[in-house]
């Protein structure tokens, strides 16, 4: 169940990151993906053209508005703030109408399905937008 208040969401997100920091890669990514799939859905909130004004992770949790792009951004923020050596290549991409998070040389795809994180291989589709983990670190750094 998704936490109702900002304080509860922040505490839950902190617990998620603490747990994910000690799990193997696949288990950590499954847990992160599942946690963000609990968010209340909204058709539109963020847009790629407004990237310069996207909320930081704490503002995202405070706003509590989660379109697929906002959920993907939350996933990327979570992975980035784990600061794990084995999770340093995450990227949020827009492919067709999906906003996916690719990790571990595209071995894992998050923000596609609540239970599946293995590669769905979106080949043949053109990436329209992307933001890397390194770019995220600079924005929230």
Protein backbone atom coordinates (compact mmCIF):
# COMPACT_ATOMS: atom_id res chain seq x y z
CA UNK A 1 0.00 0.00 0.00
CA UNK A 2 1.32 3.41 -0.97
CA UNK A 3 2.14 5.68 2.00
CA UNK A 4 -0.31 8.58 2.41
CA UNK A 5 1.89 11.36 3.82
CA UNK A 6 5.19 12.75 2.61
CA UNK A 7 6.87 11.67 5.86
CA UNK A 8 5.60 8.11 5.40
CA UNK A 9 6.71 8.05 1.74
CA UNK A 10 10.14 9.35 2.68
CA UNK A 11 10.53 6.74 5.43
CA UNK A 12 9.37 3.95 3.13
CA UNK A 13 11.74 5.12 0.36
CA UNK A 14 14.63 5.22 2.85
CA UNK A 15 13.82 1.67 3.93
CA UNK A 16 13.68 0.58 0.29
CA UNK A 17 17.13 1.99 -0.41
CA UNK A 18 18.57 0.44 2.77
CA UNK A 19 17.21 -2.99 1.85
CA UNK A 20 18.19 -2.72 -1.82
CA UNK A 21 21.75 -1.78 -0.92
CA UNK A 22 22.36 -5.23 0.59
CA UNK A 23 20.54 -7.43 -1.94
CA UNK A 24 21.94 -9.04 -5.06
CA UNK A 25 21.42 -6.95 -8.20
CA UNK A 26 18.33 -8.73 -9.53
CA UNK A 27 16.57 -8.81 -6.16
CA UNK A 28 17.37 -5.15 -5.53
CA UNK A 29 16.01 -4.13 -8.93
CA UNK A 30 12.87 -6.23 -8.49
CA UNK A 31 12.22 -4.59 -5.13
CA UNK A 32 12.80 -1.07 -6.50
CA UNK A 33 10.56 -1.69 -9.51
CA UNK A 34 7.76 -3.19 -7.39
CA UNK A 35 7.93 -0.32 -4.88
CA UNK A 36 7.52 2.33 -7.56
CA UNK A 37 4.65 0.42 -9.18
CA UNK A 38 2.61 1.07 -6.02
CA UNK A 39 2.44 4.80 -6.80
CA UNK A 40 -0.91 6.36 -7.63
CA UNK A 41 -1.15 6.56 -11.42
CA UNK A 42 -1.73 9.78 -13.32
CA UNK A 43 -1.87 10.04 -17.09
CA UNK A 44 0.39 13.10 -17.42
CA UNK A 45 2.61 14.96 -14.99
CA UNK A 46 6.15 15.26 -16.32
CA UNK A 47 7.27 15.75 -19.89
CA UNK A 48 10.66 15.22 -21.51
CA UNK A 49 10.63 18.78 -22.91
CA UNK A 50 10.54 20.11 -19.33
CA UNK A 51 13.56 18.11 -18.13
CA UNK A 52 15.30 21.21 -16.75
CA UNK A 53 12.47 21.68 -14.25
CA UNK A 54 11.89 18.06 -13.22
CA UNK A 55 11.57 17.63 -9.47
CA UNK A 56 14.44 16.25 -7.42
CA UNK A 57 13.76 12.92 -5.64
CA UNK A 58 12.38 14.55 -2.50
CA UNK A 59 10.10 16.89 -4.42
CA UNK A 60 8.89 13.95 -6.51
CA UNK A 61 7.87 12.14 -3.32
CA UNK A 62 6.27 15.31 -1.96
CA UNK A 63 4.29 16.04 -5.16
CA UNK A 64 2.91 12.48 -5.14
CA UNK A 65 1.95 12.64 -8.83
CA UNK A 66 3.17 9.68 -10.89
CA UNK A 67 2.77 9.39 -14.60
CA UNK A 68 4.92 6.68 -16.24
CA UNK A 69 7.75 9.18 -16.75
CA UNK A 70 7.66 10.30 -13.10
CA UNK A 71 7.70 6.67 -11.97
CA UNK A 72 10.69 5.96 -14.23
CA UNK A 73 12.46 9.01 -12.87
CA UNK A 74 11.80 7.79 -9.32
CA UNK A 75 13.29 4.41 -10.21
CA UNK A 76 16.38 6.09 -11.68
CA UNK A 77 16.75 8.35 -8.63
CA UNK A 78 16.54 5.33 -6.34
CA UNK A 79 19.18 3.36 -8.24
CA UNK A 80 21.44 6.42 -8.42
CA UNK A 81 21.25 7.15 -4.71
CA UNK A 82 22.15 3.55 -3.86
CA UNK A 83 25.63 4.33 -5.18
CA UNK A 84 26.37 0.65 -5.85
CA UNK A 85 29.35 -0.18 -8.03
CA UNK A 86 27.31 -2.86 -9.82
CA UNK A 87 24.55 -0.40 -10.73
CA UNK A 88 26.37 2.49 -12.37
CA UNK A 89 24.99 2.39 -15.90
CA UNK A 90 21.27 3.02 -15.42
CA UNK A 91 19.54 5.13 -18.04
CA UNK A 92 15.95 6.34 -18.39
CA UNK A 93 14.80 6.20 -22.00
CA UNK A 94 11.65 7.03 -23.90
CA UNK A 95 10.92 4.33 -26.46
CA UNK A 96 7.66 4.65 -28.35
CA UNK A 97 5.24 5.61 -25.56
CA UNK A 98 7.16 3.86 -22.76
CA UNK A 99 9.61 5.35 -20.26
CA UNK A 100 11.95 2.52 -19.37
CA UNK A 101 14.95 2.24 -17.07
CA UNK A 102 17.74 0.08 -18.47
CA UNK A 103 20.37 -1.29 -16.10
CA UNK A 104 23.42 -3.57 -16.25
CA UNK A 105 24.15 -3.14 -19.95
CA UNK A 106 20.44 -3.41 -20.76
CA UNK A 107 20.14 -6.78 -19.05
CA UNK A 108 17.33 -5.43 -16.87
CA UNK A 109 14.43 -3.24 -17.94
CA UNK A 110 12.38 -1.55 -15.24
CA UNK A 111 9.16 0.46 -15.41
CA UNK A 112 7.69 -1.90 -18.00
CA UNK A 113 5.78 -4.30 -15.77
CA UNK A 114 5.35 -4.48 -11.99
CA UNK A 115 6.68 -8.04 -11.77
CA UNK A 116 9.04 -8.42 -14.73
CA UNK A 117 12.47 -6.77 -14.91
CA UNK A 118 14.26 -8.93 -17.45
CA UNK A 119 15.10 -7.58 -20.85
CA UNK A 120 12.03 -7.09 -22.99
CA UNK A 121 14.39 -6.05 -25.79
CA UNK A 122 12.75 -2.95 -27.26
CA UNK A 123 14.88 -3.28 -30.40
CA UNK A 124 13.47 -1.88 -33.56
CA UNK A 125 12.08 1.05 -31.65
CA UNK A 126 13.84 4.36 -31.69
CA UNK A 127 14.87 6.00 -28.41
CA UNK A 128 13.34 9.46 -28.49
CA UNK A 129 14.81 10.82 -25.24
CA UNK A 130 17.20 9.62 -22.57
CA UNK A 131 18.90 10.67 -19.37
CA UNK A 132 21.81 8.81 -17.84
CA UNK A 133 22.58 8.07 -14.24
CA UNK A 134 25.60 10.37 -14.53
CA UNK A 135 23.40 13.25 -15.69
CA UNK A 136 21.03 12.62 -12.78
CA UNK A 137 23.96 12.71 -10.33
CA UNK A 138 24.94 16.14 -11.66
CA UNK A 139 21.39 17.46 -11.32
CA UNK A 140 20.83 16.31 -7.74
CA UNK A 141 24.48 16.40 -6.69
